[in-house]
Each structure stands twice: as C-alpha cells, then as structure tokens.
N, C-alpha and C. Protein backbone atom coordinates (compact mmCIF):
# COMPACT_ATOMS: atom_id res chain seq x y z
N MET A 1 -131.24 88.03 27.01
CA MET A 1 -131.05 87.51 28.35
C MET A 1 -131.41 88.57 29.37
N LEU A 2 -132.02 88.16 30.44
CA LEU A 2 -132.42 89.05 31.51
C LEU A 2 -131.34 89.08 32.58
N ILE A 3 -131.36 90.11 33.41
CA ILE A 3 -130.40 90.22 34.51
C ILE A 3 -131.18 90.19 35.81
N TYR A 4 -130.76 89.29 36.71
CA TYR A 4 -131.40 89.15 38.01
C TYR A 4 -130.43 89.58 39.10
N LYS A 5 -130.94 90.27 40.11
CA LYS A 5 -130.14 90.60 41.28
C LYS A 5 -130.53 89.64 42.39
N VAL A 6 -129.54 88.89 42.84
CA VAL A 6 -129.76 87.91 43.90
C VAL A 6 -129.04 88.43 45.15
N THR A 7 -129.76 88.50 46.26
CA THR A 7 -129.13 88.91 47.52
C THR A 7 -129.04 87.69 48.43
N PHE A 8 -128.04 87.72 49.28
CA PHE A 8 -127.75 86.57 50.14
C PHE A 8 -127.68 86.99 51.60
N ILE A 9 -128.01 86.07 52.48
CA ILE A 9 -127.79 86.20 53.92
C ILE A 9 -127.09 84.93 54.36
N LYS A 10 -125.86 85.07 54.84
CA LYS A 10 -125.04 83.94 55.29
C LYS A 10 -125.01 82.83 54.24
N ASN A 11 -124.74 83.22 52.99
CA ASN A 11 -124.61 82.32 51.84
C ASN A 11 -125.87 81.49 51.57
N LYS A 12 -127.00 82.06 51.88
CA LYS A 12 -128.29 81.48 51.48
C LYS A 12 -129.04 82.56 50.71
N ILE A 13 -129.77 82.14 49.67
CA ILE A 13 -130.49 83.10 48.84
C ILE A 13 -131.59 83.76 49.66
N ASP A 14 -131.57 85.09 49.70
CA ASP A 14 -132.60 85.86 50.38
C ASP A 14 -133.67 86.29 49.39
N SER A 15 -133.23 86.85 48.25
CA SER A 15 -134.19 87.28 47.23
C SER A 15 -133.57 87.17 45.85
N CYS A 16 -134.43 87.08 44.87
CA CYS A 16 -134.01 87.01 43.46
C CYS A 16 -135.03 87.83 42.68
N ARG A 17 -134.56 88.98 42.18
CA ARG A 17 -135.48 89.89 41.49
C ARG A 17 -134.90 90.31 40.16
N LEU A 18 -135.78 90.56 39.23
CA LEU A 18 -135.39 91.08 37.93
C LEU A 18 -134.82 92.48 38.11
N SER A 19 -133.67 92.73 37.52
CA SER A 19 -133.02 94.03 37.62
C SER A 19 -133.26 94.78 36.31
N VAL A 20 -133.85 95.94 36.40
CA VAL A 20 -134.13 96.74 35.22
C VAL A 20 -133.08 97.83 35.08
N ASN A 21 -132.86 98.26 33.86
CA ASN A 21 -131.90 99.32 33.55
C ASN A 21 -130.49 98.99 34.03
N THR A 22 -130.11 97.73 33.96
CA THR A 22 -128.78 97.30 34.37
C THR A 22 -128.03 96.79 33.15
N ILE A 23 -126.82 97.26 32.99
CA ILE A 23 -125.97 96.80 31.89
C ILE A 23 -124.73 96.18 32.51
N MET A 24 -124.36 95.01 32.04
CA MET A 24 -123.17 94.36 32.58
C MET A 24 -122.51 93.50 31.51
N GLU A 25 -121.23 93.27 31.69
CA GLU A 25 -120.49 92.39 30.82
C GLU A 25 -120.34 91.04 31.52
N GLY A 26 -120.21 89.98 30.75
CA GLY A 26 -120.05 88.66 31.34
C GLY A 26 -121.39 88.08 31.76
N SER A 27 -121.34 86.85 32.26
CA SER A 27 -122.58 86.17 32.63
C SER A 27 -123.00 86.44 34.07
N TYR A 28 -122.05 86.88 34.91
CA TYR A 28 -122.41 87.24 36.28
C TYR A 28 -121.31 88.10 36.90
N THR A 29 -121.68 88.76 37.97
CA THR A 29 -120.73 89.48 38.81
C THR A 29 -121.26 89.37 40.23
N CYS A 30 -120.35 89.29 41.19
CA CYS A 30 -120.82 89.15 42.57
C CYS A 30 -119.91 89.92 43.52
N GLU A 31 -120.45 90.18 44.69
CA GLU A 31 -119.72 90.86 45.75
C GLU A 31 -119.75 89.96 46.97
N GLN A 32 -118.59 89.80 47.59
CA GLN A 32 -118.53 88.99 48.80
C GLN A 32 -117.64 89.67 49.84
N HIS A 33 -117.82 89.26 51.08
CA HIS A 33 -117.05 89.83 52.18
C HIS A 33 -116.82 88.73 53.21
N ASN A 34 -115.56 88.50 53.55
CA ASN A 34 -115.19 87.48 54.54
C ASN A 34 -115.79 86.11 54.24
N GLY A 35 -115.81 85.73 52.98
CA GLY A 35 -116.31 84.42 52.59
C GLY A 35 -117.82 84.30 52.49
N PHE A 36 -118.52 85.41 52.60
CA PHE A 36 -119.98 85.39 52.47
C PHE A 36 -120.40 86.25 51.29
N LEU A 37 -121.27 85.72 50.46
CA LEU A 37 -121.81 86.48 49.35
C LEU A 37 -122.76 87.54 49.86
N ILE A 38 -122.70 88.71 49.25
CA ILE A 38 -123.61 89.80 49.59
C ILE A 38 -124.70 89.90 48.53
N TYR A 39 -124.26 90.00 47.26
CA TYR A 39 -125.22 90.02 46.16
C TYR A 39 -124.53 89.52 44.90
N ALA A 40 -125.33 89.19 43.91
CA ALA A 40 -124.82 88.80 42.60
C ALA A 40 -125.77 89.33 41.54
N LEU A 41 -125.21 89.76 40.42
CA LEU A 41 -125.99 90.08 39.23
C LEU A 41 -125.75 88.93 38.27
N ILE A 42 -126.81 88.29 37.83
CA ILE A 42 -126.70 87.08 37.03
C ILE A 42 -127.55 87.21 35.77
N LYS A 43 -126.94 86.94 34.61
CA LYS A 43 -127.71 86.88 33.36
C LYS A 43 -128.30 85.48 33.23
N ALA A 44 -129.60 85.42 33.02
CA ALA A 44 -130.28 84.14 32.89
C ALA A 44 -131.57 84.32 32.10
N GLU A 45 -132.07 83.21 31.59
CA GLU A 45 -133.31 83.23 30.82
C GLU A 45 -134.54 83.40 31.70
N ASN A 46 -134.45 82.91 32.95
CA ASN A 46 -135.59 83.03 33.86
C ASN A 46 -135.09 82.97 35.30
N GLU A 47 -135.99 83.18 36.24
CA GLU A 47 -135.61 83.23 37.65
C GLU A 47 -135.07 81.89 38.15
N ALA A 48 -135.63 80.80 37.70
CA ALA A 48 -135.17 79.49 38.14
C ALA A 48 -133.71 79.26 37.76
N LYS A 49 -133.32 79.66 36.55
CA LYS A 49 -131.94 79.49 36.12
C LYS A 49 -131.01 80.44 36.87
N ALA A 50 -131.50 81.63 37.20
CA ALA A 50 -130.71 82.58 37.99
C ALA A 50 -130.46 82.01 39.39
N ARG A 51 -131.47 81.42 39.98
CA ARG A 51 -131.30 80.80 41.30
C ARG A 51 -130.33 79.62 41.24
N GLY A 52 -130.38 78.86 40.15
CA GLY A 52 -129.45 77.75 39.98
C GLY A 52 -128.01 78.23 39.92
N LYS A 53 -127.77 79.30 39.18
CA LYS A 53 -126.42 79.86 39.10
C LYS A 53 -126.00 80.42 40.46
N ALA A 54 -126.93 81.01 41.19
CA ALA A 54 -126.63 81.53 42.53
C ALA A 54 -126.20 80.40 43.46
N LEU A 55 -126.86 79.26 43.36
CA LEU A 55 -126.46 78.11 44.17
C LEU A 55 -125.05 77.63 43.81
N GLU A 56 -124.70 77.69 42.52
CA GLU A 56 -123.34 77.34 42.10
C GLU A 56 -122.33 78.31 42.70
N LEU A 57 -122.66 79.60 42.73
CA LEU A 57 -121.77 80.60 43.32
C LEU A 57 -121.58 80.32 44.82
N ILE A 58 -122.64 79.94 45.50
CA ILE A 58 -122.54 79.62 46.93
C ILE A 58 -121.58 78.45 47.12
N GLU A 59 -121.68 77.44 46.28
CA GLU A 59 -120.77 76.29 46.35
C GLU A 59 -119.32 76.72 46.17
N GLN A 60 -119.07 77.58 45.18
CA GLN A 60 -117.72 78.05 44.90
C GLN A 60 -117.14 78.81 46.08
N VAL A 61 -117.93 79.70 46.64
CA VAL A 61 -117.46 80.53 47.75
C VAL A 61 -117.25 79.67 48.99
N SER A 62 -118.15 78.75 49.23
CA SER A 62 -118.06 77.89 50.43
C SER A 62 -116.85 76.97 50.35
N SER A 63 -116.55 76.47 49.17
CA SER A 63 -115.40 75.55 49.02
C SER A 63 -114.07 76.30 49.09
N ALA A 64 -114.08 77.61 48.82
CA ALA A 64 -112.85 78.40 48.86
C ALA A 64 -112.50 78.82 50.28
N ARG A 65 -113.42 78.68 51.21
CA ARG A 65 -113.16 79.10 52.60
C ARG A 65 -112.36 78.11 53.35
C-alpha cells in the first residue's frame, strides 16, 4: 500500500501527492485545527482512492462541527 499526503484549504482538497520515506501505523492519520483539516496521511492503492478517503474525512470533520 502506498501513502499519500493530502493537504486541505478550508476542508477542500488542495493537493494529493505520493509521500516517500514515510512510515505510519493504521490506515490514515490527520491533523485539524478549529474544525478544519490541515493535512492527512492516507494509505491507499492509488491517488483516486486516497482522494476518496480524504472526502470521507472532510464529511466526518464537517458533521462534527
């Protein structure tokens, strides 16, 4: 599985790039501040699936506000 770094601006995907030399546990980790996502590291098979998971994270954060 590959790891993608997704960055956000006001809970919208800004970029999604392959992250090299990154080791992480779990399927994703994210950082948020005041209800807005800053970035997420997501394990996925390809960029499209990483973006899909990022959209799910946006939904979760938005519904928690």
